[in-house]
Amino acid sequence: MAKVNPRSARISGVIQRVVASALATDLHDPRLERVTVTEVRVTNDMQLARIYWTQLGEEGREEGERKRAAQALNQARGHLRSLVGRSTGLRLTPQLEFIFDQVPSRATTVEDIMAAAHKRDQELAKLREQAHYAGDADPYRHDEDKDEDKDDAEGESAAENEADQVESF
């Protein structure tokens, strides 16, 4: 990944403030009401500024609103570029490229997945609390058990010896 030039980082911040304030105050387009500038990246040669934006919208109508907002941003590109040129003091004003930022929507999806996993973990914890072992409560042999097993084995071998003697008659 390329290093970020400190000057381009500073110019990015200026462009973000100028464009965000212009969207809030100067541009009276209803299509841009819920548009938010999330990030601005300027190339190291200061020729191109990529402006990432997102829009809050109603469920189901987001796609259409997004297209209309993108169209409005492209129409206002010249005016916004002139505002950026006045405020940055650069010899050459960078071209503005508007890109819809999909990170917030993807973050929401990831949060939903994490919430579902957390809920499933809680359900499994409840099941674990109610679960019992399939076998004995203590499946391990202890010294007392060994003594009892020896007694049983001796008793069985004595019975076998008697049975063998009876058969031999």
C-alpha atoms as a PDB file:
ATOM      1  CA  MET A   1       0.000   0.000   0.000  1.00  0.00           C
ATOM      2  CA  ALA A   2       1.368   3.407  -0.960  1.00  0.00           C
ATOM      3  CA  LYS A   3       2.234   5.926   1.708  1.00  0.00           C
ATOM      4  CA  VAL A   4      -0.156   8.808   2.170  1.00  0.00           C
ATOM      5  CA  ASN A   5       1.414  12.156   1.442  1.00  0.00           C
ATOM      6  CA  PRO A   6       0.801  14.506   4.414  1.00  0.00           C
ATOM      7  CA  ARG A   7      -0.104  17.330   2.055  1.00  0.00           C
ATOM      8  CA  SER A   8      -2.687  15.208   0.220  1.00  0.00           C
ATOM      9  CA  ALA A   9      -4.115  14.105   3.582  1.00  0.00           C
ATOM     10  CA  ARG A  10      -4.495  17.751   4.629  1.00  0.00           C
ATOM     11  CA  ILE A  11      -6.080  18.680   1.282  1.00  0.00           C
ATOM     12  CA  SER A  12      -8.442  15.694   1.633  1.00  0.00           C
ATOM     13  CA  GLY A  13      -9.665  17.054   4.953  1.00  0.00           C
ATOM     14  CA  VAL A  14     -10.229  20.500   3.471  1.00  0.00           C
ATOM     15  CA  ILE A  15     -12.135  19.072   0.502  1.00  0.00           C
ATOM     16  CA  GLN A  16     -14.287  16.933   2.801  1.00  0.00           C
ATOM     17  CA  ARG A  17     -15.241  19.933   4.941  1.00  0.00           C
ATOM     18  CA  VAL A  18     -15.967  22.140   1.907  1.00  0.00           C
ATOM     19  CA  VAL A  19     -18.098  19.541   0.107  1.00  0.00           C
ATOM     20  CA  ALA A  20     -19.980  18.531   3.271  1.00  0.00           C
ATOM     21  CA  SER A  21     -20.808  22.125   4.161  1.00  0.00           C
ATOM     22  CA  ALA A  22     -21.824  22.863   0.559  1.00  0.00           C
ATOM     23  CA  LEU A  23     -24.178  19.875   0.593  1.00  0.00           C
ATOM     24  CA  ALA A  24     -25.706  21.112   3.837  1.00  0.00           C
ATOM     25  CA  THR A  25     -26.033  24.812   3.030  1.00  0.00           C
ATOM     26  CA  ASP A  26     -25.312  25.838  -0.581  1.00  0.00           C
ATOM     27  CA  LEU A  27     -27.020  23.146  -2.622  1.00  0.00           C
ATOM     28  CA  HIS A  28     -30.765  23.189  -2.179  1.00  0.00           C
ATOM     29  CA  ASP A  29     -31.419  20.017  -4.139  1.00  0.00           C
ATOM     30  CA  PRO A  30     -33.930  17.731  -2.354  1.00  0.00           C
ATOM     31  CA  ARG A  31     -32.155  14.689  -3.795  1.00  0.00           C
ATOM     32  CA  LEU A  32     -29.121  15.530  -1.635  1.00  0.00           C
ATOM     33  CA  GLU A  33     -30.936  15.867   1.696  1.00  0.00           C
ATOM     34  CA  ARG A  34     -29.615  12.711   3.346  1.00  0.00           C
ATOM     35  CA  VAL A  35     -26.214  12.557   1.627  1.00  0.00           C
ATOM     36  CA  THR A  36     -23.176  12.371   3.894  1.00  0.00           C
ATOM     37  CA  VAL A  37     -19.537  12.621   2.819  1.00  0.00           C
ATOM     38  CA  THR A  38     -17.699   9.782   4.564  1.00  0.00           C
ATOM     39  CA  GLU A  39     -14.179  10.119   3.166  1.00  0.00           C
ATOM     40  CA  VAL A  40     -12.106  11.979   0.600  1.00  0.00           C
ATOM     41  CA  ARG A  41      -8.933  10.601  -0.961  1.00  0.00           C
ATOM     42  CA  VAL A  42      -6.692  12.788  -3.069  1.00  0.00           C
ATOM     43  CA  THR A  43      -4.003  11.368  -5.332  1.00  0.00           C
ATOM     44  CA  ASN A  44      -0.435  12.385  -4.506  1.00  0.00           C
ATOM     45  CA  ASP A  45      -0.261  14.574  -7.624  1.00  0.00           C
ATOM     46  CA  MET A  46      -3.438  16.423  -6.487  1.00  0.00           C
ATOM     47  CA  GLN A  47      -5.161  15.846  -9.828  1.00  0.00           C
ATOM     48  CA  LEU A  48      -8.056  13.679  -8.636  1.00  0.00           C
ATOM     49  CA  ALA A  49     -10.169  13.733  -5.493  1.00  0.00           C
ATOM     50  CA  ARG A  50     -12.328  10.675  -4.849  1.00  0.00           C
ATOM     51  CA  ILE A  51     -15.250  11.647  -2.646  1.00  0.00           C
ATOM     52  CA  TYR A  52     -16.951   8.726  -0.896  1.00  0.00           C
ATOM     53  CA  TRP A  53     -20.524   9.360   0.143  1.00  0.00           C
ATOM     54  CA  THR A  54     -23.434   7.495   1.639  1.00  0.00           C
ATOM     55  CA  GLN A  55     -27.126   8.180   2.009  1.00  0.00           C
ATOM     56  CA  LEU A  56     -29.671   7.350   4.647  1.00  0.00           C
ATOM     57  CA  GLY A  57     -32.815   6.081   3.054  1.00  0.00           C
ATOM     58  CA  GLU A  58     -36.053   4.293   3.615  1.00  0.00           C
ATOM     59  CA  GLU A  59     -36.107   0.539   3.297  1.00  0.00           C
ATOM     60  CA  GLY A  60     -36.940  -0.561  -0.236  1.00  0.00           C
ATOM     61  CA  ARG A  61     -36.485   2.882  -1.798  1.00  0.00           C
ATOM     62  CA  GLU A  62     -32.738   3.121  -1.244  1.00  0.00           C
ATOM     63  CA  GLU A  63     -31.644   2.118  -4.752  1.00  0.00           C
ATOM     64  CA  GLY A  64     -33.749   4.736  -6.514  1.00  0.00           C
ATOM     65  CA  GLU A  65     -32.785   7.451  -4.045  1.00  0.00           C
ATOM     66  CA  ARG A  66     -29.125   6.532  -4.443  1.00  0.00           C
ATOM     67  CA  LYS A  67     -29.311   6.860  -8.241  1.00  0.00           C
ATOM     68  CA  ARG A  68     -31.026  10.247  -7.990  1.00  0.00           C
ATOM     69  CA  ALA A  69     -28.463  11.459  -5.440  1.00  0.00           C
ATOM     70  CA  ALA A  70     -25.586  10.300  -7.667  1.00  0.00           C
ATOM     71  CA  GLN A  71     -27.132  12.175 -10.571  1.00  0.00           C
ATOM     72  CA  ALA A  72     -27.499  15.333  -8.441  1.00  0.00           C
ATOM     73  CA  LEU A  73     -23.886  15.085  -7.251  1.00  0.00           C
ATOM     74  CA  ASN A  74     -22.655  14.768 -10.823  1.00  0.00           C
ATOM     75  CA  GLN A  75     -24.724  17.808 -11.825  1.00  0.00           C
ATOM     76  CA  ALA A  76     -23.290  19.842  -8.940  1.00  0.00           C
ATOM     77  CA  ARG A  77     -19.715  18.709  -9.629  1.00  0.00           C
ATOM     78  CA  GLY A  78     -18.683  21.974 -11.342  1.00  0.00           C
ATOM     79  CA  HIS A  79     -20.031  24.189  -8.569  1.00  0.00           C
ATOM     80  CA  LEU A  80     -18.419  22.007  -5.895  1.00  0.00           C
ATOM     81  CA  ARG A  81     -15.109  22.032  -7.769  1.00  0.00           C
ATOM     82  CA  SER A  82     -15.096  25.829  -7.882  1.00  0.00           C
ATOM     83  CA  LEU A  83     -15.765  25.948  -4.113  1.00  0.00           C
ATOM     84  CA  VAL A  84     -12.924  23.487  -3.532  1.00  0.00           C
ATOM     85  CA  GLY A  85     -10.594  25.559  -5.729  1.00  0.00           C
ATOM     86  CA  ARG A  86     -11.322  28.743  -3.770  1.00  0.00           C
ATOM     87  CA  SER A  87     -10.811  27.118  -0.387  1.00  0.00           C
ATOM     88  CA  THR A  88      -7.705  25.005  -1.087  1.00  0.00           C
ATOM     89  CA  GLY A  89      -5.595  27.611  -2.875  1.00  0.00           C
ATOM     90  CA  LEU A  90      -4.101  24.998  -5.194  1.00  0.00           C
ATOM     91  CA  ARG A  91      -2.763  25.991  -8.600  1.00  0.00           C
ATOM     92  CA  LEU A  92      -4.755  23.188 -10.198  1.00  0.00           C
ATOM     93  CA  THR A  93      -8.081  22.217  -8.679  1.00  0.00           C
ATOM     94  CA  PRO A  94      -8.488  18.429  -8.566  1.00  0.00           C
ATOM     95  CA  GLN A  95     -11.184  16.692 -10.563  1.00  0.00           C
ATOM     96  CA  LEU A  96     -13.980  15.442  -8.314  1.00  0.00           C
ATOM     97  CA  GLU A  97     -15.122  11.843  -8.567  1.00  0.00           C
ATOM     98  CA  PHE A  98     -18.109  10.769  -6.472  1.00  0.00           C
ATOM     99  CA  ILE A  99     -18.163   7.138  -5.332  1.00  0.00           C
ATOM    100  CA  PHE A 100     -20.949   5.575  -3.286  1.00  0.00           C
ATOM    101  CA  ASP A 101     -19.454   4.223  -0.059  1.00  0.00           C
ATOM    102  CA  GLN A 102     -20.683   0.688   0.586  1.00  0.00           C
ATOM    103  CA  VAL A 103     -18.782   0.241   3.851  1.00  0.00           C
ATOM    104  CA  PRO A 104     -21.677   1.349   6.131  1.00  0.00           C
ATOM    105  CA  SER A 105     -24.122  -1.082   4.507  1.00  0.00           C
ATOM    106  CA  ARG A 106     -21.578  -3.902   4.683  1.00  0.00           C
ATOM    107  CA  ALA A 107     -20.866  -3.015   8.304  1.00  0.00           C
ATOM    108  CA  THR A 108     -24.575  -3.318   9.055  1.00  0.00           C
ATOM    109  CA  THR A 109     -24.600  -6.757   7.432  1.00  0.00           C
ATOM    110  CA  VAL A 110     -21.613  -7.853   9.515  1.00  0.00           C
ATOM    111  CA  GLU A 111     -23.272  -6.515  12.672  1.00  0.00           C
ATOM    112  CA  ASP A 112     -26.416  -8.511  11.861  1.00  0.00           C
ATOM    113  CA  ILE A 113     -24.347 -11.669  11.381  1.00  0.00           C
ATOM    114  CA  MET A 114     -22.525 -11.056  14.671  1.00  0.00           C
ATOM    115  CA  ALA A 115     -25.829 -10.496  16.501  1.00  0.00           C
ATOM    116  CA  ALA A 116     -27.218 -13.760  15.099  1.00  0.00           C
ATOM    117  CA  ALA A 117     -24.063 -15.624  16.166  1.00  0.00           C
ATOM    118  CA  HIS A 118     -24.274 -14.120  19.665  1.00  0.00           C
ATOM    119  CA  LYS A 119     -27.927 -15.149  19.951  1.00  0.00           C
ATOM    120  CA  ARG A 120     -27.051 -18.688  18.854  1.00  0.00           C
ATOM    121  CA  ASP A 121     -24.224 -18.813  21.418  1.00  0.00           C
ATOM    122  CA  GLN A 122     -26.656 -17.815  24.168  1.00  0.00           C
ATOM    123  CA  GLU A 123     -29.091 -20.546  23.094  1.00  0.00           C
ATOM    124  CA  LEU A 124     -26.292 -23.128  23.143  1.00  0.00           C
ATOM    125  CA  ALA A 125     -25.199 -21.955  26.604  1.00  0.00           C
ATOM    126  CA  LYS A 126     -28.742 -22.518  27.899  1.00  0.00           C
ATOM    127  CA  LEU A 127     -28.785 -25.999  26.365  1.00  0.00           C
ATOM    128  CA  ARG A 128     -25.398 -26.751  27.933  1.00  0.00           C
ATOM    129  CA  GLU A 129     -26.716 -25.825  31.373  1.00  0.00           C
ATOM    130  CA  GLN A 130     -29.583 -28.296  31.021  1.00  0.00           C
ATOM    131  CA  ALA A 131     -27.482 -31.086  29.501  1.00  0.00           C
ATOM    132  CA  HIS A 132     -26.443 -34.243  31.367  1.00  0.00           C
ATOM    133  CA  TYR A 133     -23.637 -36.655  30.684  1.00  0.00           C
ATOM    134  CA  ALA A 134     -24.595 -39.643  28.570  1.00  0.00           C
ATOM    135  CA  GLY A 135     -22.870 -42.202  30.806  1.00  0.00           C
ATOM    136  CA  ASP A 136     -22.148 -42.444  34.502  1.00  0.00           C
ATOM    137  CA  ALA A 137     -21.714 -39.288  36.499  1.00  0.00           C
ATOM    138  CA  ASP A 138     -18.097 -40.320  37.172  1.00  0.00           C
ATOM    139  CA  PRO A 139     -16.872 -42.480  34.274  1.00  0.00           C
ATOM    140  CA  TYR A 140     -13.404 -43.054  35.756  1.00  0.00           C
ATOM    141  CA  ARG A 141     -12.363 -46.082  37.778  1.00  0.00           C
ATOM    142  CA  HIS A 142     -11.133 -45.616  41.308  1.00  0.00           C
ATOM    143  CA  ASP A 143      -9.039 -47.842  43.605  1.00  0.00           C
ATOM    144  CA  GLU A 144     -12.117 -49.192  45.417  1.00  0.00           C
ATOM    145  CA  ASP A 145     -13.560 -50.325  42.086  1.00  0.00           C
ATOM    146  CA  LYS A 146     -10.394 -52.261  41.282  1.00  0.00           C
ATOM    147  CA  ASP A 147     -10.665 -54.214  44.566  1.00  0.00           C
ATOM    148  CA  GLU A 148     -14.303 -55.076  43.866  1.00  0.00           C
ATOM    149  CA  ASP A 149     -13.421 -56.156  40.323  1.00  0.00           C
ATOM    150  CA  LYS A 150     -10.687 -58.461  41.658  1.00  0.00           C
ATOM    151  CA  ASP A 151     -13.128 -60.043  44.134  1.00  0.00           C
ATOM    152  CA  ASP A 152     -15.649 -60.562  41.338  1.00  0.00           C
ATOM    153  CA  ALA A 153     -12.989 -62.062  39.081  1.00  0.00           C
ATOM    154  CA  GLU A 154     -11.826 -64.459  41.814  1.00  0.00           C
ATOM    155  CA  GLY A 155     -15.406 -65.531  42.499  1.00  0.00           C
ATOM    156  CA  GLU A 156     -16.033 -66.163  38.808  1.00  0.00           C
ATOM    157  CA  SER A 157     -12.853 -68.224  38.382  1.00  0.00           C
ATOM    158  CA  ALA A 158     -13.755 -70.373  41.432  1.00  0.00           C
ATOM    159  CA  ALA A 159     -17.177 -71.035  39.934  1.00  0.00           C
ATOM    160  CA  GLU A 160     -15.571 -71.970  36.622  1.00  0.00           C
ATOM    161  CA  ASN A 161     -13.210 -74.400  38.354  1.00  0.00           C
ATOM    162  CA  GLU A 162     -16.153 -76.120  40.046  1.00  0.00           C
ATOM    163  CA  ALA A 163     -17.979 -76.329  36.722  1.00  0.00           C
ATOM    164  CA  ASP A 164     -14.913 -77.878  35.073  1.00  0.00           C
ATOM    165  CA  GLN A 165     -14.630 -80.467  37.839  1.00  0.00           C
ATOM    166  CA  VAL A 166     -18.295 -81.388  37.518  1.00  0.00           C
ATOM    167  CA  GLU A 167     -17.957 -81.873  33.774  1.00  0.00           C
ATOM    168  CA  SER A 168     -14.946 -84.129  34.118  1.00  0.00           C
ATOM    169  CA  PHE A 169     -16.998 -86.742  36.071  1.00  0.00           C
END
